[in-house]
Every structure is written in structure tokens, then in C-alpha cells.
Amino acid sequence: MRGRKVRNPDEANVDLTPMLDVVFILLIFFIVTATFAQEEALGLEPPPPPAPEQDQQEQVPAILILIDESNLITVNGRATDIGSVRANIERVRAETPESAVVIQAHPKAKSGVIVLIRDAAYNAGYQDRVNLVLTAVE
């Protein structure tokens, strides 16, 4: 076979430029259409510092809510369940309206219980005098 040249077949090349364009367009589309949820943070306000001119007798009484590591709840030394925390807070607030709420929780207590008690205090009318204290592990 004279006169014929043996030609190597053309190598198959894939042009990646259109694929990169599509990837960038999809990236821009998902960034523009994404919605970011603004989650509400747990409001933990530290107690105000005591004024130096106050005596021990003039200090504001506090409603002490204890949560132990097994999630047992006591309000001012009285054991209660999660459903009656708000009623206990309202009862003590009716007796002493200037009192503050102090939630003292064990570090192993469930955070959901702490949030429910904080919400019960907010629903009982406390908005700015709810404080959280973690007890030290021995």
C-alpha cells in the first residue's frame, strides 16, 4: 500500500471550561438562594453587683430554684415537678414582688430542664431578674 500514510487517531480531549462555568453558576445560585436561620440565644443575665450601702437586712430576697444532677427540682427548699415551677414562682412573687429568681443547676443537669424553668420564670412575669448559677462539682 503505497502512498497511504498511517494516521494516528486524534486524541480525545475534553474541554473543561464549560463545566467550570456551570459549577460557578450553580455555586452562585445556591449562595444567593440560601436562607440563613437566625437562632435565638439563651438569655443568661448575670446578677447585678450589690450596692455597698445595702445592709444584709435590706438585700432583695431571691427565689432559689435548685436542679440536681438527676434533674430533681426544688423551689426554696420545696421539691416540685417541672409543671408546677411557674405556680411556685408566682406564689412567692405575690408575697415578695421585688424578689429575683436564681436558678442553681448542677453541671450534669439537662439543659432542656434549665430552659423550661427559665421560660417558666419569664412567663411568671420576670424579665430581667432571672439568673443562672452552676454549682461546682466535688
C-alpha atoms as a PDB file:
ATOM      1  CA  MET A   1       0.000   0.000   0.000  1.00  0.00           C
ATOM      2  CA  ARG A   2       1.976   2.700  -1.286  1.00  0.00           C
ATOM      3  CA  GLY A   3       1.056   6.270  -0.912  1.00  0.00           C
ATOM      4  CA  ARG A   4      -1.033   5.869   2.142  1.00  0.00           C
ATOM      5  CA  LYS A   5       0.050   7.399   5.364  1.00  0.00           C
ATOM      6  CA  VAL A   6      -0.846   5.822   8.599  1.00  0.00           C
ATOM      7  CA  ARG A   7      -2.533   8.461  10.688  1.00  0.00           C
ATOM      8  CA  ASN A   8      -2.804   8.211  14.394  1.00  0.00           C
ATOM      9  CA  PRO A   9      -6.331   8.796  15.569  1.00  0.00           C
ATOM     10  CA  ASP A  10      -6.865  12.192  17.186  1.00  0.00           C
ATOM     11  CA  GLU A  11      -6.647  12.105  20.897  1.00  0.00           C
ATOM     12  CA  ALA A  12      -9.969  12.741  22.595  1.00  0.00           C
ATOM     13  CA  ASN A  13      -9.743  15.963  24.597  1.00  0.00           C
ATOM     14  CA  VAL A  14     -12.480  17.145  26.865  1.00  0.00           C
ATOM     15  CA  ASP A  15     -12.820  20.872  27.243  1.00  0.00           C
ATOM     16  CA  LEU A  16     -13.443  21.589  30.963  1.00  0.00           C
ATOM     17  CA  THR A  17     -14.201  25.288  30.559  1.00  0.00           C
ATOM     18  CA  PRO A  18     -17.991  24.869  30.136  1.00  0.00           C
ATOM     19  CA  MET A  19     -18.116  22.505  33.102  1.00  0.00           C
ATOM     20  CA  LEU A  20     -16.330  25.045  35.319  1.00  0.00           C
ATOM     21  CA  ASP A  21     -18.736  27.730  34.158  1.00  0.00           C
ATOM     22  CA  VAL A  22     -21.681  25.550  35.143  1.00  0.00           C
ATOM     23  CA  VAL A  23     -20.152  24.807  38.561  1.00  0.00           C
ATOM     24  CA  PHE A  24     -19.606  28.507  39.280  1.00  0.00           C
ATOM     25  CA  ILE A  25     -23.151  29.354  38.161  1.00  0.00           C
ATOM     26  CA  LEU A  26     -24.552  26.649  40.465  1.00  0.00           C
ATOM     27  CA  LEU A  27     -22.396  27.897  43.329  1.00  0.00           C
ATOM     28  CA  ILE A  28     -23.647  31.455  42.862  1.00  0.00           C
ATOM     29  CA  PHE A  29     -27.236  30.207  42.595  1.00  0.00           C
ATOM     30  CA  PHE A  30     -27.051  28.279  45.881  1.00  0.00           C
ATOM     31  CA  ILE A  31     -25.356  31.147  47.720  1.00  0.00           C
ATOM     32  CA  VAL A  32     -27.982  33.636  46.561  1.00  0.00           C
ATOM     33  CA  THR A  33     -30.978  31.393  47.283  1.00  0.00           C
ATOM     34  CA  ALA A  34     -29.769  30.070  50.649  1.00  0.00           C
ATOM     35  CA  THR A  35     -31.602  31.274  53.727  1.00  0.00           C
ATOM     36  CA  PHE A  36     -29.750  31.520  56.979  1.00  0.00           C
ATOM     37  CA  ALA A  37     -31.756  30.931  60.150  1.00  0.00           C
ATOM     38  CA  GLN A  38     -31.139  33.392  62.947  1.00  0.00           C
ATOM     39  CA  GLU A  39     -31.328  31.303  66.091  1.00  0.00           C
ATOM     40  CA  GLU A  40     -32.320  32.893  69.338  1.00  0.00           C
ATOM     41  CA  ALA A  41     -29.695  32.598  72.038  1.00  0.00           C
ATOM     42  CA  LEU A  42     -30.341  31.662  75.618  1.00  0.00           C
ATOM     43  CA  GLY A  43     -30.510  34.862  77.652  1.00  0.00           C
ATOM     44  CA  LEU A  44     -28.358  34.497  80.728  1.00  0.00           C
ATOM     45  CA  GLU A  45     -28.042  37.761  82.579  1.00  0.00           C
ATOM     46  CA  PRO A  46     -25.549  37.925  85.436  1.00  0.00           C
ATOM     47  CA  PRO A  47     -26.904  39.203  88.728  1.00  0.00           C
ATOM     48  CA  PRO A  48     -26.327  42.888  89.335  1.00  0.00           C
ATOM     49  CA  PRO A  49     -23.497  43.699  91.731  1.00  0.00           C
ATOM     50  CA  PRO A  50     -24.712  44.502  95.223  1.00  0.00           C
ATOM     51  CA  ALA A  51     -24.665  48.134  96.209  1.00  0.00           C
ATOM     52  CA  PRO A  52     -22.175  48.813  99.014  1.00  0.00           C
ATOM     53  CA  GLU A  53     -24.662  50.817 101.095  1.00  0.00           C
ATOM     54  CA  GLN A  54     -27.099  47.915 101.423  1.00  0.00           C
ATOM     55  CA  ASP A  55     -27.118  46.051 104.711  1.00  0.00           C
ATOM     56  CA  GLN A  56     -27.712  42.339 104.970  1.00  0.00           C
ATOM     57  CA  GLN A  57     -31.272  43.049 106.119  1.00  0.00           C
ATOM     58  CA  GLU A  58     -32.050  45.239 103.099  1.00  0.00           C
ATOM     59  CA  GLN A  59     -30.976  42.740 100.438  1.00  0.00           C
ATOM     60  CA  VAL A  60     -33.600  41.649  97.956  1.00  0.00           C
ATOM     61  CA  PRO A  61     -34.912  38.146  98.665  1.00  0.00           C
ATOM     62  CA  ALA A  62     -34.423  35.553  95.953  1.00  0.00           C
ATOM     63  CA  ILE A  63     -36.452  32.617  94.744  1.00  0.00           C
ATOM     64  CA  LEU A  64     -33.865  29.833  94.742  1.00  0.00           C
ATOM     65  CA  ILE A  65     -34.546  27.017  92.262  1.00  0.00           C
ATOM     66  CA  LEU A  66     -32.147  24.083  92.599  1.00  0.00           C
ATOM     67  CA  ILE A  67     -31.663  21.441  89.904  1.00  0.00           C
ATOM     68  CA  ASP A  68     -29.508  18.479  90.893  1.00  0.00           C
ATOM     69  CA  GLU A  69     -27.718  16.034  88.596  1.00  0.00           C
ATOM     70  CA  SER A  70     -30.779  13.756  88.398  1.00  0.00           C
ATOM     71  CA  ASN A  71     -32.942  16.781  87.372  1.00  0.00           C
ATOM     72  CA  LEU A  72     -34.802  16.908  90.689  1.00  0.00           C
ATOM     73  CA  ILE A  73     -36.220  20.434  91.088  1.00  0.00           C
ATOM     74  CA  THR A  74     -36.648  22.277  94.382  1.00  0.00           C
ATOM     75  CA  VAL A  75     -38.090  25.774  94.749  1.00  0.00           C
ATOM     76  CA  ASN A  76     -36.977  27.436  98.006  1.00  0.00           C
ATOM     77  CA  GLY A  77     -36.344  24.011  99.544  1.00  0.00           C
ATOM     78  CA  ARG A  78     -39.663  22.540  98.411  1.00  0.00           C
ATOM     79  CA  ALA A  79     -39.435  19.636  95.930  1.00  0.00           C
ATOM     80  CA  THR A  80     -41.606  20.120  92.861  1.00  0.00           C
ATOM     81  CA  ASP A  81     -42.028  18.972  89.289  1.00  0.00           C
ATOM     82  CA  ILE A  82     -41.485  20.955  86.119  1.00  0.00           C
ATOM     83  CA  GLY A  83     -45.200  21.635  85.658  1.00  0.00           C
ATOM     84  CA  SER A  84     -45.661  23.468  88.944  1.00  0.00           C
ATOM     85  CA  VAL A  85     -42.495  25.600  88.881  1.00  0.00           C
ATOM     86  CA  ARG A  86     -44.356  28.586  87.433  1.00  0.00           C
ATOM     87  CA  ALA A  87     -47.085  28.354  90.099  1.00  0.00           C
ATOM     88  CA  ASN A  88     -44.452  28.278  92.853  1.00  0.00           C
ATOM     89  CA  ILE A  89     -42.664  31.276  91.361  1.00  0.00           C
ATOM     90  CA  GLU A  90     -45.928  33.228  91.082  1.00  0.00           C
ATOM     91  CA  ARG A  91     -46.831  32.345  94.691  1.00  0.00           C
ATOM     92  CA  VAL A  92     -43.503  33.618  96.045  1.00  0.00           C
ATOM     93  CA  ARG A  93     -43.668  36.689  93.793  1.00  0.00           C
ATOM     94  CA  ALA A  94     -47.100  37.538  95.194  1.00  0.00           C
ATOM     95  CA  GLU A  95     -45.601  37.506  98.708  1.00  0.00           C
ATOM     96  CA  THR A  96     -42.436  39.456  97.796  1.00  0.00           C
ATOM     97  CA  PRO A  97     -42.759  41.270  94.438  1.00  0.00           C
ATOM     98  CA  GLU A  98     -39.198  42.630  94.493  1.00  0.00           C
ATOM     99  CA  SER A  99     -37.618  39.167  94.655  1.00  0.00           C
ATOM    100  CA  ALA A 100     -35.293  37.813  91.973  1.00  0.00           C
ATOM    101  CA  VAL A 101     -35.073  34.296  90.546  1.00  0.00           C
ATOM    102  CA  VAL A 102     -31.835  32.336  90.915  1.00  0.00           C
ATOM    103  CA  ILE A 103     -31.603  29.041  89.049  1.00  0.00           C
ATOM    104  CA  GLN A 104     -28.802  26.946  90.550  1.00  0.00           C
ATOM    105  CA  ALA A 105     -28.096  23.957  88.323  1.00  0.00           C
ATOM    106  CA  HIS A 106     -25.721  21.048  88.586  1.00  0.00           C
ATOM    107  CA  PRO A 107     -23.391  20.814  85.540  1.00  0.00           C
ATOM    108  CA  LYS A 108     -24.819  17.377  84.700  1.00  0.00           C
ATOM    109  CA  ALA A 109     -28.424  18.628  84.744  1.00  0.00           C
ATOM    110  CA  LYS A 110     -30.169  18.554  81.391  1.00  0.00           C
ATOM    111  CA  SER A 111     -30.106  21.884  79.633  1.00  0.00           C
ATOM    112  CA  GLY A 112     -33.702  21.373  78.474  1.00  0.00           C
ATOM    113  CA  VAL A 113     -34.884  21.389  82.095  1.00  0.00           C
ATOM    114  CA  ILE A 114     -32.953  24.589  82.768  1.00  0.00           C
ATOM    115  CA  VAL A 115     -34.522  26.247  79.720  1.00  0.00           C
ATOM    116  CA  LEU A 116     -38.019  25.149  80.774  1.00  0.00           C
ATOM    117  CA  ILE A 117     -37.502  26.633  84.243  1.00  0.00           C
ATOM    118  CA  ARG A 118     -36.132  29.861  82.756  1.00  0.00           C
ATOM    119  CA  ASP A 119     -39.177  30.051  80.466  1.00  0.00           C
ATOM    120  CA  ALA A 120     -41.470  29.433  83.447  1.00  0.00           C
ATOM    121  CA  ALA A 121     -39.821  32.352  85.261  1.00  0.00           C
ATOM    122  CA  TYR A 122     -40.258  34.577  82.194  1.00  0.00           C
ATOM    123  CA  ASN A 123     -43.907  33.524  81.896  1.00  0.00           C
ATOM    124  CA  ALA A 124     -44.431  34.288  85.594  1.00  0.00           C
ATOM    125  CA  GLY A 125     -43.519  37.917  84.905  1.00  0.00           C
ATOM    126  CA  TYR A 126     -39.758  38.031  85.436  1.00  0.00           C
ATOM    127  CA  GLN A 127     -37.913  39.537  82.515  1.00  0.00           C
ATOM    128  CA  ASP A 128     -34.702  40.965  83.939  1.00  0.00           C
ATOM    129  CA  ARG A 129     -34.104  39.308  87.300  1.00  0.00           C
ATOM    130  CA  VAL A 130     -33.569  35.682  86.222  1.00  0.00           C
ATOM    131  CA  ASN A 131     -30.044  34.443  86.974  1.00  0.00           C
ATOM    132  CA  LEU A 132     -28.325  31.119  86.316  1.00  0.00           C
ATOM    133  CA  VAL A 133     -25.623  29.686  88.602  1.00  0.00           C
ATOM    134  CA  LEU A 134     -23.764  26.428  88.012  1.00  0.00           C
ATOM    135  CA  THR A 135     -22.757  24.534  91.130  1.00  0.00           C
ATOM    136  CA  ALA A 136     -19.222  23.272  91.493  1.00  0.00           C
ATOM    137  CA  VAL A 137     -18.616  19.549  91.005  1.00  0.00           C
ATOM    138  CA  GLU A 138     -16.966  17.983  94.023  1.00  0.00           C
END
